[in-house]
Each structure stands twice: as C-alpha cells, then as structure tokens.
C-alpha atoms as a PDB file:
ATOM      1  CA  MET A   1       0.223  -0.444   0.360  1.00  0.00           C
ATOM      2  CA  GLY A   2       1.490   3.124  -1.114  1.00  0.00           C
ATOM      3  CA  LYS A   3       1.801   6.482   0.496  1.00  0.00           C
ATOM      4  CA  LEU A   4      -1.334   8.433  -1.273  1.00  0.00           C
ATOM      5  CA  ARG A   5      -3.167   5.358   0.180  1.00  0.00           C
ATOM      6  CA  ILE A   6      -1.939   5.519   3.623  1.00  0.00           C
ATOM      7  CA  ILE A   7      -2.868   9.483   3.855  1.00  0.00           C
ATOM      8  CA  ALA A   8      -6.473   8.549   2.555  1.00  0.00           C
ATOM      9  CA  ALA A   9      -7.091   6.165   5.269  1.00  0.00           C
ATOM     10  CA  PHE A  10      -5.762   8.319   7.583  1.00  0.00           C
ATOM     11  CA  TYR A  11      -8.390  11.116   6.315  1.00  0.00           C
ATOM     12  CA  ALA A  12     -11.045   8.537   6.820  1.00  0.00           C
ATOM     13  CA  ILE A  13     -10.122   7.909  10.474  1.00  0.00           C
ATOM     14  CA  ALA A  14      -9.447  11.533  11.123  1.00  0.00           C
ATOM     15  CA  LEU A  15     -13.264  12.533   9.289  1.00  0.00           C
ATOM     16  CA  LEU A  16     -15.302   9.901  11.510  1.00  0.00           C
ATOM     17  CA  GLY A  17     -13.313  11.183  14.261  1.00  0.00           C
ATOM     18  CA  ALA A  18     -14.661  14.958  13.257  1.00  0.00           C
ATOM     19  CA  ALA A  19     -18.063  13.548  12.920  1.00  0.00           C
ATOM     20  CA  SER A  20     -17.977  11.759  16.594  1.00  0.00           C
ATOM     21  CA  LEU A  21     -17.018  14.911  18.480  1.00  0.00           C
ATOM     22  CA  ASN A  22     -20.847  16.071  19.250  1.00  0.00           C
ATOM     23  CA  TYR A  23     -21.551  12.550  20.921  1.00  0.00           C
ATOM     24  CA  ILE A  24     -18.476  12.068  22.960  1.00  0.00           C
ATOM     25  CA  PRO A  25     -19.472  13.182  26.585  1.00  0.00           C
ATOM     26  CA  GLY A  26     -17.278  15.750  27.812  1.00  0.00           C
ATOM     27  CA  LEU A  27     -16.409  17.140  24.252  1.00  0.00           C
ATOM     28  CA  THR A  28     -18.917  19.733  24.130  1.00  0.00           C
ATOM     29  CA  ASP A  29     -19.929  22.615  26.056  1.00  0.00           C
ATOM     30  CA  ASP A  30     -23.540  23.455  27.762  1.00  0.00           C
ATOM     31  CA  GLN A  31     -24.446  25.352  24.041  1.00  0.00           C
ATOM     32  CA  GLY A  32     -23.307  22.313  21.972  1.00  0.00           C
ATOM     33  CA  ARG A  33     -19.821  23.494  20.677  1.00  0.00           C
ATOM     34  CA  ALA A  34     -16.873  20.874  20.741  1.00  0.00           C
ATOM     35  CA  PHE A  35     -14.196  22.300  22.080  1.00  0.00           C
ATOM     36  CA  GLY A  36     -16.007  25.513  22.809  1.00  0.00           C
ATOM     37  CA  ILE A  37     -15.251  26.284  19.414  1.00  0.00           C
ATOM     38  CA  PHE A  38     -16.840  24.116  16.620  1.00  0.00           C
ATOM     39  CA  ALA A  39     -21.054  24.173  16.357  1.00  0.00           C
ATOM     40  CA  LEU A  40     -20.888  21.062  14.579  1.00  0.00           C
ATOM     41  CA  ASP A  41     -24.338  19.724  13.446  1.00  0.00           C
ATOM     42  CA  ILE A  42     -26.190  17.147  11.833  1.00  0.00           C
ATOM     43  CA  TYR A  43     -25.391  18.415   8.216  1.00  0.00           C
ATOM     44  CA  ASP A  44     -21.491  19.049   9.499  1.00  0.00           C
ATOM     45  CA  ASP A  45     -21.613  15.212  10.465  1.00  0.00           C
ATOM     46  CA  SER A  46     -22.863  13.979   7.477  1.00  0.00           C
ATOM     47  CA  LEU A  47     -20.447  16.118   5.027  1.00  0.00           C
ATOM     48  CA  HIS A  48     -17.925  14.288   7.409  1.00  0.00           C
ATOM     49  CA  VAL A  49     -19.008  11.027   7.091  1.00  0.00           C
ATOM     50  CA  ALA A  50     -19.597  11.091   3.216  1.00  0.00           C
ATOM     51  CA  SER A  51     -15.951  12.307   2.910  1.00  0.00           C
ATOM     52  CA  ALA A  52     -14.675   9.551   5.185  1.00  0.00           C
ATOM     53  CA  ALA A  53     -16.369   7.339   3.065  1.00  0.00           C
ATOM     54  CA  TRP A  54     -14.923   8.538  -0.003  1.00  0.00           C
ATOM     55  CA  ALA A  55     -11.544   8.731   1.637  1.00  0.00           C
ATOM     56  CA  ALA A  56     -11.942   5.268   2.757  1.00  0.00           C
ATOM     57  CA  ILE A  57     -13.459   4.505  -0.644  1.00  0.00           C
ATOM     58  CA  ALA A  58     -10.516   6.094  -2.738  1.00  0.00           C
ATOM     59  CA  ALA A  59      -7.622   4.603  -0.242  1.00  0.00           C
ATOM     60  CA  TRP A  60      -9.356   0.929  -0.921  1.00  0.00           C
ATOM     61  CA  LEU A  61      -9.677   1.570  -4.705  1.00  0.00           C
ATOM     62  CA  SER A  62      -6.193   2.688  -5.734  1.00  0.00           C
ATOM     63  CA  SER A  63      -3.196   5.323  -5.568  1.00  0.00           C
ATOM     64  CA  ARG A  64      -5.020   7.379  -8.468  1.00  0.00           C
ATOM     65  CA  ALA A  65      -8.395   7.097  -6.946  1.00  0.00           C
ATOM     66  CA  ALA A  66      -6.389   8.306  -3.352  1.00  0.00           C
ATOM     67  CA  ARG A  67      -4.455  11.283  -4.749  1.00  0.00           C
ATOM     68  CA  SER A  68      -7.958  12.149  -6.567  1.00  0.00           C
ATOM     69  CA  PHE A  69      -9.806  12.468  -3.144  1.00  0.00           C
ATOM     70  CA  LEU A  70      -6.790  14.027  -1.632  1.00  0.00           C
ATOM     71  CA  LEU A  71      -6.365  17.052  -4.250  1.00  0.00           C
ATOM     72  CA  TYR A  72     -10.298  17.116  -4.419  1.00  0.00           C
ATOM     73  CA  PHE A  73     -11.305  17.306  -1.148  1.00  0.00           C
ATOM     74  CA  GLY A  74      -7.951  19.257  -0.362  1.00  0.00           C
ATOM     75  CA  ILE A  75      -8.964  21.943  -2.447  1.00  0.00           C
ATOM     76  CA  LEU A  76     -12.751  21.903  -1.344  1.00  0.00           C
ATOM     77  CA  TYR A  77     -12.012  21.717   2.329  1.00  0.00           C
ATOM     78  CA  PHE A  78      -8.890  24.572   2.321  1.00  0.00           C
ATOM     79  CA  GLY A  79     -11.093  26.763   0.234  1.00  0.00           C
ATOM     80  CA  ASP A  80     -13.704  26.339   3.091  1.00  0.00           C
ATOM     81  CA  GLY A  81     -11.326  27.248   5.827  1.00  0.00           C
ATOM     82  CA  LEU A  82     -10.011  30.256   3.435  1.00  0.00           C
ATOM     83  CA  LEU A  83     -13.482  31.578   3.696  1.00  0.00           C
ATOM     84  CA  GLY A  84     -14.315  31.382   7.108  1.00  0.00           C
ATOM     85  CA  LEU A  85     -11.114  32.435   7.551  1.00  0.00           C
ATOM     86  CA  ILE A  86     -12.024  35.491   6.109  1.00  0.00           C
ATOM     87  CA  THR A  87     -15.696  35.841   6.359  1.00  0.00           C
ATOM     88  CA  GLY A  88     -16.420  33.891   9.805  1.00  0.00           C
ATOM     89  CA  SER A  89     -18.750  31.296   7.578  1.00  0.00           C
ATOM     90  CA  GLY A  90     -17.621  28.355   5.168  1.00  0.00           C
ATOM     91  CA  TYR A  91     -19.399  27.166   2.068  1.00  0.00           C
ATOM     92  CA  LEU A  92     -19.943  23.306   2.723  1.00  0.00           C
ATOM     93  CA  ASP A  93     -22.125  23.600   5.525  1.00  0.00           C
ATOM     94  CA  LEU A  94     -23.685  26.944   3.262  1.00  0.00           C
ATOM     95  CA  GLY A  95     -22.700  29.041   6.179  1.00  0.00           C
ATOM     96  CA  ILE A  96     -21.755  31.516   3.874  1.00  0.00           C
ATOM     97  CA  ILE A  97     -25.490  31.595   2.309  1.00  0.00           C
ATOM     98  CA  ASN A  98     -27.566  31.110   6.174  1.00  0.00           C
ATOM     99  CA  TYR A  99     -25.681  33.242   8.284  1.00  0.00           C
ATOM    100  CA  GLY A 100     -23.406  35.685   5.929  1.00  0.00           C
ATOM    101  CA  ILE A 101     -20.445  37.502   7.020  1.00  0.00           C
ATOM    102  CA  GLN A 102     -20.257  36.911  10.896  1.00  0.00           C
ATOM    103  CA  ASP A 103     -18.368  39.520  13.160  1.00  0.00           C
ATOM    104  CA  LEU A 104     -16.202  37.168  14.796  1.00  0.00           C
ATOM    105  CA  PRO A 105     -12.654  37.770  16.212  1.00  0.00           C
ATOM    106  CA  PHE A 106     -10.049  36.646  14.064  1.00  0.00           C
ATOM    107  CA  GLY A 107      -8.229  34.718  16.877  1.00  0.00           C
ATOM    108  CA  PHE A 108     -11.452  32.969  17.033  1.00  0.00           C
ATOM    109  CA  LYS A 109     -11.553  32.618  13.245  1.00  0.00           C
ATOM    110  CA  ILE A 110      -8.166  30.896  12.536  1.00  0.00           C
ATOM    111  CA  LEU A 111      -9.260  28.493  15.594  1.00  0.00           C
ATOM    112  CA  ALA A 112     -12.475  27.342  13.951  1.00  0.00           C
ATOM    113  CA  ASN A 113     -11.012  27.354  10.429  1.00  0.00           C
ATOM    114  CA  LEU A 114      -7.547  25.812  11.249  1.00  0.00           C
ATOM    115  CA  PRO A 115      -8.723  21.935  10.856  1.00  0.00           C
ATOM    116  CA  HIS A 116     -10.173  22.662   7.238  1.00  0.00           C
ATOM    117  CA  LEU A 117      -6.470  24.862   6.752  1.00  0.00           C
ATOM    118  CA  ALA A 118      -4.566  22.198   7.579  1.00  0.00           C
ATOM    119  CA  LEU A 119      -5.953  19.104   6.588  1.00  0.00           C
ATOM    120  CA  GLY A 120      -6.986  20.679   3.294  1.00  0.00           C
ATOM    121  CA  GLY A 121      -3.314  22.394   2.843  1.00  0.00           C
ATOM    122  CA  PHE A 122      -1.852  18.689   3.623  1.00  0.00           C
ATOM    123  CA  ALA A 123      -4.484  16.938   1.431  1.00  0.00           C
ATOM    124  CA  VAL A 124      -3.322  19.063  -1.726  1.00  0.00           C
ATOM    125  CA  PHE A 125       0.644  18.928  -0.601  1.00  0.00           C
ATOM    126  CA  SER A 126       0.219  15.250  -0.662  1.00  0.00           C
ATOM    127  CA  ALA A 127      -1.358  14.794  -3.594  1.00  0.00           C
ATOM    128  CA  LEU A 128       1.166  16.943  -5.622  1.00  0.00           C
ATOM    129  CA  ALA A 129       4.235  15.558  -3.104  1.00  0.00           C
ATOM    130  CA  PHE A 130       3.209  11.737  -4.341  1.00  0.00           C
ATOM    131  CA  GLY A 131       1.530  12.304  -7.726  1.00  0.00           C
ATOM    132  CA  LYS A 132       4.026  10.055  -9.051  1.00  0.00           C
ATOM    133  CA  GLU A 133       2.619   6.842  -6.742  1.00  0.00           C
ATOM    134  CA  ALA A 134      -0.455   7.310  -8.783  1.00  0.00           C
ATOM    135  CA  THR A 135       0.700   6.728 -12.250  1.00  0.00           C
ATOM    136  CA  ALA A 136       3.311   3.899 -11.606  1.00  0.00           C
END
C-alpha cells in the first residue's frame, strides 16, 4: 500500500473522528460546541461521514483514486477554511448562505478554520508531492 492510499485511509479515520465529536461526553459545552469552538450539527456530521467514506473508498481502490480524493477534497476543504477565515462562514455547510459574513474575533476564526486549512492544505500537498505514485 503506497503513501497516497495510507494518507487517504488516515483521512477516513480523522473525518470519522470529526463526525463523532458531538457524541463523546465531555467534549461539548452547554451550547453544544465541541471544544467550545465548533458548533457541529447533523449536516456537518453528514458531510464528515460522506468525506470519510470517500476517503476510505479511494484508499481501498487505488493510488490514483487516493490522489484524486486528496486533491479534490483538499481544494474543497482548504477553500472552505479560507472563506471561513475571511468571512467567518464557510461554504461546505452553506454557512455563508445561511449566516452571511460573521463579525467574529480573528483569533476565533483562526481556531475555527484551522482544521479545514490544515487538513485541506496537507491533502493538496500530499496529492502533489506523491502524485507520481498514482501513475506507477
């Protein structure tokens, strides 16, 4: 199993972990925010589970499928994180449509969007850095 497939499998596990945050006692505050930052709902959980399934299927299929997952997922998630950093709302959860531009402290925006920026950025980097594996 090559690096791309291993990384995609890691993403499947990480995304399932993100989907489970609301259901682990002690991780949410009285307002339902995980770690006091992320207000995840069933729609967010569904997106995370669907992304995890996409990652798992790609990892199982081939290096080419894993590379495609990492590239497209990475672009989508990194873009969502950038928009969230700029406006306080992302597009994957339709937040920019439902809530518009949020007046939030910049430090909070960084914390709230760091997972998407980091996961998305690393996914794109991995797809590009190990891309030759997909053609072998």
